[in-house]
């Protein structure tokens, strides 16, 4: 059993960690969508998780914390402080935990970037937009319920199975070998050019990450 002294020490440490970012005037949040659990790890629906993992590795971040029913990390890019977050809730319930962390750190919607899979784009195509419809994406629907629609979406193409009835099975399937090979390169490009995204240089970011 953990002693009272150890518990108090841990609580003080956690509190100090959170206070580092509580009163920062500008805070950027990068959030990857996906489903928790090993069996979903490489599913098409989990590309948001996979992108975030690559960014964390590229920035050499090793300060993972479990709070707000998810895993989050802190970092900085230039003069901006960054939070990176993956909810431990399933896709259709992730909105609450995401709303909690951005509320705590006072992240404005315009400084929130959600990385998610998109059926309407070919595999490997990337688009960025602010606001708009969820296009049937359950993760976005959940987020919209709690914080509204005016946040940034980094849409990552996973292709479409061709028929609506095939969608559910398709998004929970793994990428084909060739598809994953290309997406791995794109994920690498995203992580290496994330500074352009957080500095609102979206056109330059998209030009840098696309495969030639």
N, C-alpha and C. Protein backbone atom coordinates (compact mmCIF):
# COMPACT_ATOMS: atom_id res chain seq x y z
N UNK A 1 0.85 -1.20 0.00
CA UNK A 1 0.00 0.00 0.00
C UNK A 1 0.89 1.25 0.00
N UNK A 2 0.55 2.21 -0.83
CA UNK A 2 1.33 3.45 -0.91
C UNK A 2 1.15 4.25 0.37
N UNK A 3 2.26 4.75 0.93
CA UNK A 3 2.19 5.54 2.16
C UNK A 3 1.58 6.90 1.89
N UNK A 4 1.12 7.55 2.97
CA UNK A 4 0.54 8.89 2.85
C UNK A 4 1.57 9.85 2.29
N UNK A 5 2.81 9.74 2.73
CA UNK A 5 3.87 10.63 2.24
C UNK A 5 4.09 10.47 0.74
N UNK A 6 4.09 9.21 0.26
CA UNK A 6 4.26 8.97 -1.18
C UNK A 6 3.10 9.53 -1.97
N UNK A 7 1.88 9.38 -1.44
CA UNK A 7 0.69 9.89 -2.13
C UNK A 7 0.72 11.40 -2.24
N UNK A 8 1.11 12.07 -1.13
CA UNK A 8 1.19 13.54 -1.14
C UNK A 8 2.26 14.01 -2.11
N UNK A 9 3.38 13.30 -2.14
CA UNK A 9 4.47 13.67 -3.05
C UNK A 9 4.03 13.56 -4.49
N UNK A 10 3.31 12.45 -4.82
CA UNK A 10 2.82 12.26 -6.19
C UNK A 10 1.82 13.34 -6.57
N UNK A 11 0.91 13.67 -5.63
CA UNK A 11 -0.10 14.69 -5.91
C UNK A 11 0.53 16.05 -6.17
N UNK A 12 1.59 16.36 -5.37
CA UNK A 12 2.27 17.64 -5.59
C UNK A 12 2.96 17.66 -6.95
N UNK A 13 3.54 16.53 -7.33
CA UNK A 13 4.22 16.43 -8.63
C UNK A 13 3.24 16.61 -9.77
N UNK A 14 2.09 15.90 -9.68
CA UNK A 14 1.07 16.02 -10.71
C UNK A 14 0.54 17.44 -10.79
N UNK A 15 0.33 18.06 -9.63
CA UNK A 15 -0.21 19.42 -9.59
C UNK A 15 0.76 20.39 -10.24
N UNK A 16 2.06 20.22 -9.96
CA UNK A 16 3.07 21.09 -10.56
C UNK A 16 3.11 20.93 -12.06
N UNK A 17 2.99 19.69 -12.51
CA UNK A 17 3.00 19.40 -13.94
C UNK A 17 1.85 20.14 -14.64
N UNK A 18 0.65 20.06 -14.05
CA UNK A 18 -0.51 20.70 -14.66
C UNK A 18 -0.40 22.21 -14.62
N UNK A 19 0.14 22.76 -13.53
CA UNK A 19 0.24 24.21 -13.39
C UNK A 19 1.19 24.82 -14.41
N UNK A 20 2.14 24.04 -14.93
CA UNK A 20 3.06 24.55 -15.93
C UNK A 20 2.33 25.15 -17.11
N UNK A 21 1.13 24.61 -17.42
CA UNK A 21 0.43 25.00 -18.62
C UNK A 21 -0.91 25.67 -18.35
N UNK A 22 -1.31 25.78 -17.11
CA UNK A 22 -2.64 26.27 -16.81
C UNK A 22 -2.83 27.73 -17.21
N UNK A 23 -1.82 28.56 -17.03
CA UNK A 23 -1.99 29.99 -17.23
C UNK A 23 -1.24 30.54 -18.44
N UNK A 24 -0.85 29.68 -19.34
CA UNK A 24 -0.17 30.11 -20.56
C UNK A 24 -1.17 30.77 -21.51
N UNK A 25 -0.88 31.97 -22.01
CA UNK A 25 -1.85 32.68 -22.85
C UNK A 25 -2.16 31.98 -24.18
N UNK A 26 -1.15 31.34 -24.79
CA UNK A 26 -1.40 30.64 -26.06
C UNK A 26 -1.04 29.17 -25.89
N UNK A 27 -2.00 28.33 -26.14
CA UNK A 27 -1.81 26.89 -26.01
C UNK A 27 -2.38 26.20 -27.24
N UNK A 28 -1.60 25.33 -27.85
CA UNK A 28 -2.04 24.55 -29.01
C UNK A 28 -2.31 23.12 -28.56
N UNK A 29 -3.41 22.55 -29.00
CA UNK A 29 -3.71 21.15 -28.68
C UNK A 29 -3.76 20.33 -29.96
N UNK A 30 -3.00 19.24 -29.98
CA UNK A 30 -3.00 18.29 -31.08
C UNK A 30 -3.65 17.01 -30.56
N UNK A 31 -4.75 16.60 -31.17
CA UNK A 31 -5.52 15.46 -30.68
C UNK A 31 -5.67 14.43 -31.80
N UNK A 32 -5.33 13.19 -31.50
CA UNK A 32 -5.49 12.11 -32.47
C UNK A 32 -6.69 11.26 -32.09
N UNK A 33 -7.54 10.95 -33.07
CA UNK A 33 -8.72 10.13 -32.81
C UNK A 33 -8.45 8.66 -33.14
N UNK A 34 -9.08 7.79 -32.37
CA UNK A 34 -8.95 6.36 -32.59
C UNK A 34 -9.69 5.60 -31.51
N UNK A 35 -9.62 4.30 -31.59
CA UNK A 35 -10.21 3.44 -30.57
C UNK A 35 -9.09 2.82 -29.74
N UNK A 36 -9.26 2.75 -28.40
CA UNK A 36 -8.21 2.17 -27.55
C UNK A 36 -8.18 0.65 -27.67
N UNK A 37 -7.03 0.06 -27.44
CA UNK A 37 -6.92 -1.40 -27.45
C UNK A 37 -6.06 -1.90 -28.59
N UNK A 38 -5.32 -2.98 -28.32
CA UNK A 38 -4.37 -3.52 -29.30
C UNK A 38 -5.03 -3.96 -30.60
N UNK A 39 -6.25 -4.50 -30.50
CA UNK A 39 -6.87 -5.05 -31.71
C UNK A 39 -7.26 -3.96 -32.71
N UNK A 40 -7.31 -2.71 -32.25
CA UNK A 40 -7.67 -1.61 -33.15
C UNK A 40 -6.45 -0.81 -33.62
N UNK A 41 -5.28 -1.12 -33.09
CA UNK A 41 -4.11 -0.24 -33.23
C UNK A 41 -3.84 0.19 -34.66
N UNK A 42 -3.87 -0.74 -35.61
CA UNK A 42 -3.52 -0.39 -36.99
C UNK A 42 -4.74 -0.31 -37.92
N UNK A 43 -5.91 -0.18 -37.34
CA UNK A 43 -7.13 0.01 -38.14
C UNK A 43 -7.09 1.34 -38.88
N UNK A 44 -7.82 1.40 -39.97
CA UNK A 44 -7.95 2.66 -40.72
C UNK A 44 -8.52 3.77 -39.82
N UNK A 45 -9.46 3.38 -38.96
CA UNK A 45 -10.11 4.34 -38.08
C UNK A 45 -9.14 4.94 -37.06
N UNK A 46 -7.98 4.32 -36.88
CA UNK A 46 -7.03 4.75 -35.87
C UNK A 46 -5.87 5.57 -36.41
N UNK A 47 -5.99 6.05 -37.61
CA UNK A 47 -4.88 6.81 -38.19
C UNK A 47 -4.55 8.06 -37.37
N UNK A 48 -5.56 8.63 -36.71
CA UNK A 48 -5.31 9.80 -35.86
C UNK A 48 -4.40 9.47 -34.70
N UNK A 49 -4.64 8.34 -34.05
CA UNK A 49 -3.76 7.86 -32.98
C UNK A 49 -2.34 7.67 -33.51
N UNK A 50 -2.24 7.03 -34.67
CA UNK A 50 -0.94 6.68 -35.23
C UNK A 50 -0.12 7.91 -35.60
N UNK A 51 -0.80 8.92 -36.12
CA UNK A 51 -0.12 10.18 -36.44
C UNK A 51 0.41 10.82 -35.17
N UNK A 52 -0.43 10.86 -34.14
CA UNK A 52 -0.02 11.50 -32.89
C UNK A 52 1.17 10.76 -32.27
N UNK A 53 1.15 9.44 -32.32
CA UNK A 53 2.28 8.66 -31.79
C UNK A 53 3.57 9.04 -32.50
N UNK A 54 3.48 9.26 -33.81
CA UNK A 54 4.67 9.61 -34.58
C UNK A 54 5.17 11.01 -34.21
N UNK A 55 4.25 11.93 -33.99
CA UNK A 55 4.64 13.29 -33.59
C UNK A 55 5.33 13.25 -32.23
N UNK A 56 4.77 12.49 -31.30
CA UNK A 56 5.36 12.37 -29.96
C UNK A 56 6.78 11.81 -30.06
N UNK A 57 6.96 10.81 -30.88
CA UNK A 57 8.29 10.20 -31.05
C UNK A 57 9.25 11.18 -31.70
N UNK A 58 8.77 11.92 -32.71
CA UNK A 58 9.63 12.86 -33.42
C UNK A 58 10.10 14.00 -32.52
N UNK A 59 9.20 14.45 -31.64
CA UNK A 59 9.54 15.55 -30.71
C UNK A 59 10.29 15.04 -29.49
N UNK A 60 10.49 13.70 -29.42
CA UNK A 60 11.24 13.09 -28.33
C UNK A 60 10.62 13.42 -26.97
N UNK A 61 9.31 13.25 -26.90
CA UNK A 61 8.58 13.55 -25.66
C UNK A 61 8.48 12.29 -24.82
N UNK A 62 8.83 12.40 -23.55
CA UNK A 62 8.77 11.22 -22.68
C UNK A 62 8.04 11.53 -21.36
N UNK A 63 7.11 12.49 -21.41
CA UNK A 63 6.44 12.89 -20.17
C UNK A 63 4.96 12.52 -20.17
N UNK A 64 4.64 11.35 -20.68
CA UNK A 64 3.25 10.94 -20.75
C UNK A 64 2.57 10.96 -19.38
N UNK A 65 1.36 11.51 -19.35
CA UNK A 65 0.53 11.49 -18.16
C UNK A 65 -0.83 10.92 -18.52
N UNK A 66 -1.47 10.27 -17.56
CA UNK A 66 -2.83 9.78 -17.76
C UNK A 66 -3.78 10.66 -16.97
N UNK A 67 -4.50 11.50 -17.67
CA UNK A 67 -5.46 12.42 -17.06
C UNK A 67 -6.62 12.60 -18.03
N UNK A 68 -7.73 13.08 -17.53
CA UNK A 68 -8.89 13.38 -18.37
C UNK A 68 -9.32 12.15 -19.19
N UNK A 69 -9.16 10.98 -18.59
CA UNK A 69 -9.46 9.71 -19.25
C UNK A 69 -8.76 9.57 -20.59
N UNK A 70 -7.49 9.88 -20.59
CA UNK A 70 -6.70 9.75 -21.80
C UNK A 70 -5.22 9.90 -21.50
N UNK A 71 -4.41 9.84 -22.53
CA UNK A 71 -2.97 10.01 -22.40
C UNK A 71 -2.59 11.36 -23.00
N UNK A 72 -1.86 12.15 -22.24
CA UNK A 72 -1.43 13.41 -22.81
C UNK A 72 0.02 13.72 -22.49
N UNK A 73 0.57 14.57 -23.34
CA UNK A 73 1.97 14.93 -23.29
C UNK A 73 2.08 16.44 -23.42
N UNK A 74 3.19 16.98 -22.97
CA UNK A 74 3.43 18.41 -23.13
C UNK A 74 4.73 18.63 -23.89
N UNK A 75 4.78 19.70 -24.65
CA UNK A 75 5.99 20.04 -25.38
C UNK A 75 5.91 21.51 -25.77
N UNK A 76 6.87 21.96 -26.52
CA UNK A 76 6.83 23.32 -27.06
C UNK A 76 7.44 23.30 -28.45
N UNK A 77 6.92 24.17 -29.29
CA UNK A 77 7.45 24.35 -30.64
C UNK A 77 7.64 25.85 -30.83
N UNK A 78 8.89 26.28 -30.89
CA UNK A 78 9.15 27.71 -30.94
C UNK A 78 8.68 28.35 -29.64
N UNK A 79 7.84 29.37 -29.75
CA UNK A 79 7.32 30.08 -28.59
C UNK A 79 5.96 29.55 -28.13
N UNK A 80 5.50 28.45 -28.72
CA UNK A 80 4.17 27.95 -28.39
C UNK A 80 4.24 26.66 -27.58
N UNK A 81 3.41 26.61 -26.56
CA UNK A 81 3.30 25.39 -25.77
C UNK A 81 2.27 24.47 -26.41
N UNK A 82 2.56 23.19 -26.37
CA UNK A 82 1.75 22.20 -27.07
C UNK A 82 1.29 21.11 -26.11
N UNK A 83 0.02 20.74 -26.24
CA UNK A 83 -0.51 19.55 -25.57
C UNK A 83 -0.84 18.54 -26.66
N UNK A 84 -0.49 17.30 -26.46
CA UNK A 84 -0.84 16.22 -27.37
C UNK A 84 -1.69 15.23 -26.59
N UNK A 85 -2.81 14.80 -27.17
CA UNK A 85 -3.78 14.02 -26.40
C UNK A 85 -4.41 12.92 -27.22
N UNK A 86 -4.58 11.75 -26.56
CA UNK A 86 -5.35 10.64 -27.10
C UNK A 86 -6.35 10.20 -26.04
N UNK A 87 -7.63 10.29 -26.34
CA UNK A 87 -8.65 9.86 -25.40
C UNK A 87 -8.64 8.33 -25.26
N UNK A 88 -8.92 7.85 -24.08
CA UNK A 88 -9.07 6.41 -23.86
C UNK A 88 -10.50 5.95 -24.09
N UNK A 89 -11.38 6.89 -24.44
CA UNK A 89 -12.76 6.53 -24.76
C UNK A 89 -12.83 6.02 -26.20
N UNK A 90 -13.85 5.22 -26.48
CA UNK A 90 -14.06 4.82 -27.86
C UNK A 90 -14.46 6.02 -28.70
N UNK A 91 -14.30 5.89 -29.99
CA UNK A 91 -14.46 7.00 -30.92
C UNK A 91 -15.75 7.80 -30.70
N UNK A 92 -16.87 7.10 -30.55
CA UNK A 92 -18.15 7.80 -30.48
C UNK A 92 -18.42 8.43 -29.12
N UNK A 93 -17.45 8.31 -28.19
CA UNK A 93 -17.62 8.90 -26.86
C UNK A 93 -16.45 9.81 -26.47
N UNK A 94 -15.58 10.12 -27.42
CA UNK A 94 -14.34 10.83 -27.09
C UNK A 94 -14.52 12.32 -26.82
N UNK A 95 -15.66 12.88 -27.20
CA UNK A 95 -15.86 14.32 -27.10
C UNK A 95 -15.74 14.87 -25.69
N UNK A 96 -16.25 14.11 -24.71
CA UNK A 96 -16.23 14.62 -23.33
C UNK A 96 -14.81 14.79 -22.81
N UNK A 97 -13.97 13.76 -22.96
CA UNK A 97 -12.60 13.85 -22.45
C UNK A 97 -11.81 14.93 -23.17
N UNK A 98 -12.04 15.07 -24.47
CA UNK A 98 -11.35 16.12 -25.23
C UNK A 98 -11.79 17.50 -24.75
N UNK A 99 -13.08 17.66 -24.50
CA UNK A 99 -13.58 18.95 -24.00
C UNK A 99 -13.00 19.26 -22.63
N UNK A 100 -12.77 18.23 -21.81
CA UNK A 100 -12.23 18.45 -20.47
C UNK A 100 -10.80 18.96 -20.51
N UNK A 101 -9.97 18.36 -21.35
CA UNK A 101 -8.57 18.78 -21.38
C UNK A 101 -8.40 20.16 -22.00
N UNK A 102 -9.16 20.47 -23.04
CA UNK A 102 -8.99 21.80 -23.65
C UNK A 102 -9.59 22.88 -22.75
N UNK A 103 -10.58 22.52 -21.96
CA UNK A 103 -11.14 23.47 -21.00
C UNK A 103 -10.14 23.75 -19.88
N UNK A 104 -9.52 22.70 -19.37
CA UNK A 104 -8.56 22.86 -18.29
C UNK A 104 -7.38 23.73 -18.71
N UNK A 105 -6.87 23.49 -19.90
CA UNK A 105 -5.71 24.24 -20.38
C UNK A 105 -6.09 25.50 -21.15
N UNK A 106 -7.39 25.80 -21.17
CA UNK A 106 -7.88 27.04 -21.79
C UNK A 106 -7.47 27.15 -23.27
N UNK A 107 -7.58 26.03 -23.98
CA UNK A 107 -7.28 26.01 -25.41
C UNK A 107 -8.49 26.55 -26.18
N UNK A 108 -8.27 27.53 -27.04
CA UNK A 108 -9.33 28.05 -27.88
C UNK A 108 -9.59 27.08 -29.03
N UNK A 109 -10.82 27.06 -29.52
CA UNK A 109 -11.14 26.13 -30.62
C UNK A 109 -10.25 26.33 -31.84
N UNK A 110 -9.89 27.59 -32.11
CA UNK A 110 -9.05 27.83 -33.29
C UNK A 110 -7.63 27.31 -33.11
N UNK A 111 -7.25 26.95 -31.88
CA UNK A 111 -5.93 26.39 -31.60
C UNK A 111 -5.98 24.88 -31.35
N UNK A 112 -7.11 24.28 -31.68
CA UNK A 112 -7.29 22.84 -31.53
C UNK A 112 -7.22 22.16 -32.90
N UNK A 113 -6.38 21.14 -33.02
CA UNK A 113 -6.23 20.39 -34.27
C UNK A 113 -6.58 18.92 -34.00
N UNK A 114 -7.61 18.44 -34.70
CA UNK A 114 -8.05 17.06 -34.56
C UNK A 114 -7.56 16.27 -35.78
N UNK A 115 -6.75 15.24 -35.56
CA UNK A 115 -6.28 14.36 -36.64
C UNK A 115 -7.23 13.17 -36.71
N UNK A 116 -7.83 12.96 -37.90
CA UNK A 116 -8.81 11.88 -38.02
C UNK A 116 -8.84 11.28 -39.42
N UNK A 117 -9.39 10.08 -39.50
CA UNK A 117 -9.54 9.39 -40.78
C UNK A 117 -10.69 10.00 -41.57
N UNK A 118 -10.59 9.95 -42.90
CA UNK A 118 -11.62 10.53 -43.76
C UNK A 118 -11.90 9.59 -44.94
N UNK A 119 -13.12 9.11 -45.00
CA UNK A 119 -13.54 8.19 -46.07
C UNK A 119 -13.63 8.86 -47.43
N UNK A 120 -13.82 10.17 -47.44
CA UNK A 120 -14.04 10.88 -48.69
C UNK A 120 -12.76 11.27 -49.42
N UNK A 121 -11.62 10.93 -48.82
CA UNK A 121 -10.33 11.22 -49.45
C UNK A 121 -9.60 9.91 -49.75
N UNK A 122 -8.88 9.89 -50.86
CA UNK A 122 -8.08 8.72 -51.20
C UNK A 122 -7.01 8.50 -50.14
N UNK A 123 -6.56 7.27 -50.03
CA UNK A 123 -5.53 6.94 -49.05
C UNK A 123 -4.30 7.83 -49.26
N UNK A 124 -3.89 8.50 -48.19
CA UNK A 124 -2.71 9.35 -48.26
C UNK A 124 -2.98 10.81 -48.56
N UNK A 125 -4.17 11.14 -49.01
CA UNK A 125 -4.50 12.54 -49.26
C UNK A 125 -4.79 13.23 -47.93
N UNK A 126 -4.33 14.46 -47.78
CA UNK A 126 -4.52 15.21 -46.54
C UNK A 126 -5.18 16.55 -46.85
N UNK A 127 -6.14 16.92 -46.05
CA UNK A 127 -6.79 18.23 -46.16
C UNK A 127 -6.96 18.81 -44.77
N UNK A 128 -7.00 20.12 -44.69
CA UNK A 128 -7.24 20.80 -43.42
C UNK A 128 -8.44 21.72 -43.59
N UNK A 129 -9.35 21.69 -42.63
CA UNK A 129 -10.47 22.62 -42.67
C UNK A 129 -10.88 22.98 -41.26
N UNK A 130 -11.52 24.13 -41.15
CA UNK A 130 -12.05 24.58 -39.87
C UNK A 130 -13.57 24.54 -39.93
N UNK A 131 -14.19 23.86 -38.97
CA UNK A 131 -15.64 23.80 -38.92
C UNK A 131 -16.23 22.90 -39.99
N UNK A 132 -17.54 22.98 -40.11
CA UNK A 132 -18.23 22.20 -41.12
C UNK A 132 -18.85 20.93 -40.56
N UNK A 133 -19.38 20.13 -41.45
CA UNK A 133 -20.08 18.91 -41.08
C UNK A 133 -19.12 17.83 -40.60
N UNK A 134 -19.65 16.92 -39.78
CA UNK A 134 -18.86 15.77 -39.34
C UNK A 134 -18.77 14.71 -40.42
N UNK A 135 -19.60 14.83 -41.47
CA UNK A 135 -19.64 13.86 -42.57
C UNK A 135 -19.85 12.43 -42.07
N UNK A 136 -20.60 12.30 -40.99
CA UNK A 136 -20.90 10.98 -40.46
C UNK A 136 -19.83 10.37 -39.57
N UNK A 137 -18.75 11.11 -39.32
CA UNK A 137 -17.66 10.60 -38.49
C UNK A 137 -18.08 10.67 -37.02
N UNK A 138 -18.14 9.53 -36.36
CA UNK A 138 -18.65 9.48 -34.99
C UNK A 138 -17.78 10.23 -33.98
N UNK A 139 -16.48 10.25 -34.22
CA UNK A 139 -15.59 10.99 -33.33
C UNK A 139 -15.86 12.48 -33.41
N UNK A 140 -15.99 12.98 -34.62
CA UNK A 140 -16.27 14.41 -34.81
C UNK A 140 -17.66 14.77 -34.27
N UNK A 141 -18.62 13.88 -34.47
CA UNK A 141 -19.97 14.12 -33.92
C UNK A 141 -19.91 14.29 -32.41
N UNK A 142 -19.14 13.43 -31.75
CA UNK A 142 -19.02 13.51 -30.30
C UNK A 142 -18.36 14.81 -29.86
N UNK A 143 -17.30 15.20 -30.56
CA UNK A 143 -16.61 16.46 -30.23
C UNK A 143 -17.55 17.64 -30.45
N UNK A 144 -18.27 17.65 -31.57
CA UNK A 144 -19.19 18.75 -31.88
C UNK A 144 -20.22 18.95 -30.76
N UNK A 145 -20.66 17.86 -30.17
CA UNK A 145 -21.66 17.91 -29.11
C UNK A 145 -21.18 18.72 -27.91
N UNK A 146 -19.88 18.63 -27.62
CA UNK A 146 -19.34 19.28 -26.42
C UNK A 146 -18.72 20.65 -26.65
N UNK A 147 -18.12 20.87 -27.83
CA UNK A 147 -17.40 22.15 -28.00
C UNK A 147 -17.84 22.92 -29.24
N UNK A 148 -18.82 22.40 -29.99
CA UNK A 148 -19.20 23.06 -31.22
C UNK A 148 -18.34 22.58 -32.39
N UNK A 149 -18.47 23.25 -33.53
CA UNK A 149 -17.83 22.76 -34.75
C UNK A 149 -16.62 23.58 -35.21
N UNK A 150 -16.37 24.70 -34.58
CA UNK A 150 -15.34 25.60 -35.10
C UNK A 150 -13.94 25.30 -34.58
N UNK A 151 -13.46 24.12 -34.93
CA UNK A 151 -12.10 23.73 -34.61
C UNK A 151 -11.46 23.18 -35.89
N UNK A 152 -10.15 22.99 -35.86
CA UNK A 152 -9.42 22.54 -37.05
C UNK A 152 -9.43 21.02 -37.16
N UNK A 153 -9.73 20.54 -38.36
CA UNK A 153 -9.69 19.10 -38.62
C UNK A 153 -8.59 18.81 -39.64
N UNK A 154 -7.69 17.92 -39.30
CA UNK A 154 -6.68 17.45 -40.25
C UNK A 154 -7.20 16.12 -40.77
N UNK A 155 -7.75 16.17 -41.98
CA UNK A 155 -8.44 15.02 -42.58
C UNK A 155 -7.42 14.14 -43.30
N UNK A 156 -7.33 12.90 -42.90
CA UNK A 156 -6.36 11.97 -43.47
C UNK A 156 -7.11 10.89 -44.23
N UNK A 157 -6.90 10.84 -45.53
CA UNK A 157 -7.65 9.93 -46.38
C UNK A 157 -7.37 8.46 -46.11
N UNK A 158 -8.45 7.69 -46.02
CA UNK A 158 -8.31 6.23 -45.87
C UNK A 158 -9.02 5.49 -47.00
N UNK A 159 -9.60 6.25 -47.95
CA UNK A 159 -10.33 5.63 -49.04
C UNK A 159 -11.72 5.20 -48.62
N UNK A 160 -12.49 4.71 -49.59
CA UNK A 160 -13.88 4.30 -49.34
C UNK A 160 -14.10 2.91 -49.92
N UNK A 161 -14.85 2.06 -49.23
CA UNK A 161 -15.05 0.69 -49.73
C UNK A 161 -16.00 0.61 -50.92
N UNK A 162 -16.69 1.72 -51.23
CA UNK A 162 -17.56 1.73 -52.40
C UNK A 162 -19.03 1.71 -52.08
N UNK A 163 -19.42 1.01 -51.02
CA UNK A 163 -20.82 0.94 -50.62
C UNK A 163 -20.96 1.28 -49.15
N UNK A 164 -22.03 1.99 -48.82
CA UNK A 164 -22.24 2.44 -47.44
C UNK A 164 -22.30 1.27 -46.46
N UNK A 165 -22.90 0.16 -46.88
CA UNK A 165 -23.06 -0.98 -45.98
C UNK A 165 -21.72 -1.63 -45.60
N UNK A 166 -20.67 -1.30 -46.35
CA UNK A 166 -19.36 -1.90 -46.10
C UNK A 166 -18.48 -1.02 -45.21
N UNK A 167 -18.96 0.20 -44.93
CA UNK A 167 -18.12 1.18 -44.25
C UNK A 167 -17.67 0.74 -42.86
N UNK A 168 -18.60 0.25 -42.04
CA UNK A 168 -18.24 -0.10 -40.66
C UNK A 168 -17.13 -1.14 -40.60
N UNK A 169 -17.24 -2.17 -41.40
CA UNK A 169 -16.21 -3.20 -41.43
C UNK A 169 -14.91 -2.66 -41.99
N UNK A 170 -15.03 -1.78 -42.98
CA UNK A 170 -13.86 -1.23 -43.66
C UNK A 170 -13.01 -0.38 -42.72
N UNK A 171 -13.64 0.53 -41.97
CA UNK A 171 -12.87 1.42 -41.11
C UNK A 171 -12.19 0.67 -39.97
N UNK A 172 -12.71 -0.50 -39.62
CA UNK A 172 -12.12 -1.32 -38.56
C UNK A 172 -11.17 -2.38 -39.10
N UNK A 173 -10.84 -2.27 -40.39
CA UNK A 173 -9.86 -3.17 -41.00
C UNK A 173 -8.50 -2.48 -41.04
N UNK A 174 -7.44 -3.26 -41.16
CA UNK A 174 -6.09 -2.70 -41.24
C UNK A 174 -5.77 -2.24 -42.65
N UNK A 175 -4.82 -1.34 -42.74
CA UNK A 175 -4.36 -0.89 -44.05
C UNK A 175 -3.64 -2.02 -44.78
N UNK A 176 -3.73 -1.99 -46.10
CA UNK A 176 -2.95 -2.93 -46.90
C UNK A 176 -1.48 -2.53 -46.81
N UNK A 177 -0.59 -3.47 -47.13
CA UNK A 177 0.83 -3.25 -46.98
C UNK A 177 1.31 -2.02 -47.76
N UNK A 178 0.90 -1.87 -49.00
CA UNK A 178 1.33 -0.73 -49.82
C UNK A 178 0.76 0.57 -49.28
N UNK A 179 -0.50 0.53 -48.83
CA UNK A 179 -1.12 1.72 -48.26
C UNK A 179 -0.37 2.18 -47.02
N UNK A 180 -0.05 1.23 -46.16
CA UNK A 180 0.63 1.58 -44.92
C UNK A 180 2.05 2.09 -45.19
N UNK A 181 2.68 1.58 -46.21
CA UNK A 181 4.02 2.05 -46.58
C UNK A 181 3.98 3.53 -46.93
N UNK A 182 2.99 3.93 -47.72
CA UNK A 182 2.85 5.35 -48.08
C UNK A 182 2.45 6.20 -46.89
N UNK A 183 1.50 5.70 -46.08
CA UNK A 183 1.05 6.47 -44.92
C UNK A 183 2.15 6.64 -43.89
N UNK A 184 3.03 5.66 -43.76
CA UNK A 184 4.15 5.78 -42.83
C UNK A 184 5.06 6.95 -43.22
N UNK A 185 5.27 7.09 -44.53
CA UNK A 185 6.08 8.21 -45.01
C UNK A 185 5.38 9.55 -44.77
N UNK A 186 4.07 9.56 -44.99
CA UNK A 186 3.30 10.78 -44.75
C UNK A 186 3.31 11.14 -43.26
N UNK A 187 3.15 10.14 -42.41
CA UNK A 187 3.19 10.39 -40.96
C UNK A 187 4.54 10.97 -40.55
N UNK A 188 5.59 10.45 -41.16
CA UNK A 188 6.92 10.98 -40.89
C UNK A 188 7.02 12.44 -41.33
N UNK A 189 6.48 12.73 -42.51
CA UNK A 189 6.51 14.11 -43.02
C UNK A 189 5.69 15.05 -42.13
N UNK A 190 4.56 14.55 -41.64
CA UNK A 190 3.73 15.36 -40.73
C UNK A 190 4.52 15.71 -39.48
N UNK A 191 5.14 14.71 -38.89
CA UNK A 191 5.87 14.93 -37.63
C UNK A 191 7.06 15.88 -37.83
N UNK A 192 7.70 15.81 -38.99
CA UNK A 192 8.86 16.66 -39.25
C UNK A 192 8.49 18.10 -39.59
N UNK A 193 7.23 18.32 -39.94
CA UNK A 193 6.79 19.67 -40.34
C UNK A 193 5.65 20.19 -39.48
N UNK A 194 5.51 19.64 -38.28
CA UNK A 194 4.41 20.02 -37.41
C UNK A 194 4.50 21.49 -37.00
N UNK A 195 5.71 22.05 -37.02
CA UNK A 195 5.86 23.47 -36.68
C UNK A 195 5.09 24.37 -37.64
N UNK A 196 5.01 23.98 -38.91
CA UNK A 196 4.26 24.77 -39.88
C UNK A 196 2.77 24.76 -39.56
N UNK A 197 2.28 23.61 -39.12
CA UNK A 197 0.86 23.50 -38.79
C UNK A 197 0.50 24.38 -37.60
N UNK A 198 1.27 24.26 -36.52
CA UNK A 198 0.92 25.01 -35.30
C UNK A 198 1.15 26.51 -35.47
N UNK A 199 1.94 26.89 -36.46
CA UNK A 199 2.13 28.31 -36.75
C UNK A 199 1.20 28.81 -37.85
N UNK A 200 0.17 27.99 -38.14
CA UNK A 200 -0.91 28.38 -39.04
C UNK A 200 -0.47 28.55 -40.49
N UNK A 201 0.61 27.89 -40.88
CA UNK A 201 1.10 27.93 -42.25
C UNK A 201 0.61 26.66 -42.96
N UNK A 202 -0.70 26.59 -43.13
CA UNK A 202 -1.33 25.36 -43.58
C UNK A 202 -0.95 24.97 -45.00
N UNK A 203 -0.86 25.94 -45.91
CA UNK A 203 -0.49 25.62 -47.29
C UNK A 203 0.92 25.05 -47.38
N UNK A 204 1.84 25.68 -46.65
CA UNK A 204 3.22 25.19 -46.64
C UNK A 204 3.29 23.80 -46.02
N UNK A 205 2.52 23.59 -44.97
CA UNK A 205 2.48 22.28 -44.31
C UNK A 205 2.01 21.21 -45.28
N UNK A 206 0.92 21.46 -45.99
CA UNK A 206 0.38 20.48 -46.93
C UNK A 206 1.35 20.19 -48.07
N UNK A 207 2.04 21.22 -48.54
CA UNK A 207 3.02 21.04 -49.61
C UNK A 207 4.21 20.18 -49.16
N UNK A 208 4.61 20.34 -47.91
CA UNK A 208 5.76 19.63 -47.39
C UNK A 208 5.47 18.15 -47.12
N UNK A 209 4.22 17.85 -46.73
CA UNK A 209 3.95 16.47 -46.29
C UNK A 209 3.53 15.54 -47.41
N UNK A 210 3.11 16.08 -48.54
CA UNK A 210 2.64 15.21 -49.60
C UNK A 210 3.79 14.45 -50.24
N UNK A 211 3.50 13.27 -50.73
CA UNK A 211 4.52 12.46 -51.39
C UNK A 211 4.70 12.95 -52.82
N UNK A 212 5.95 12.99 -53.26
CA UNK A 212 6.22 13.47 -54.63
C UNK A 212 5.89 12.39 -55.66
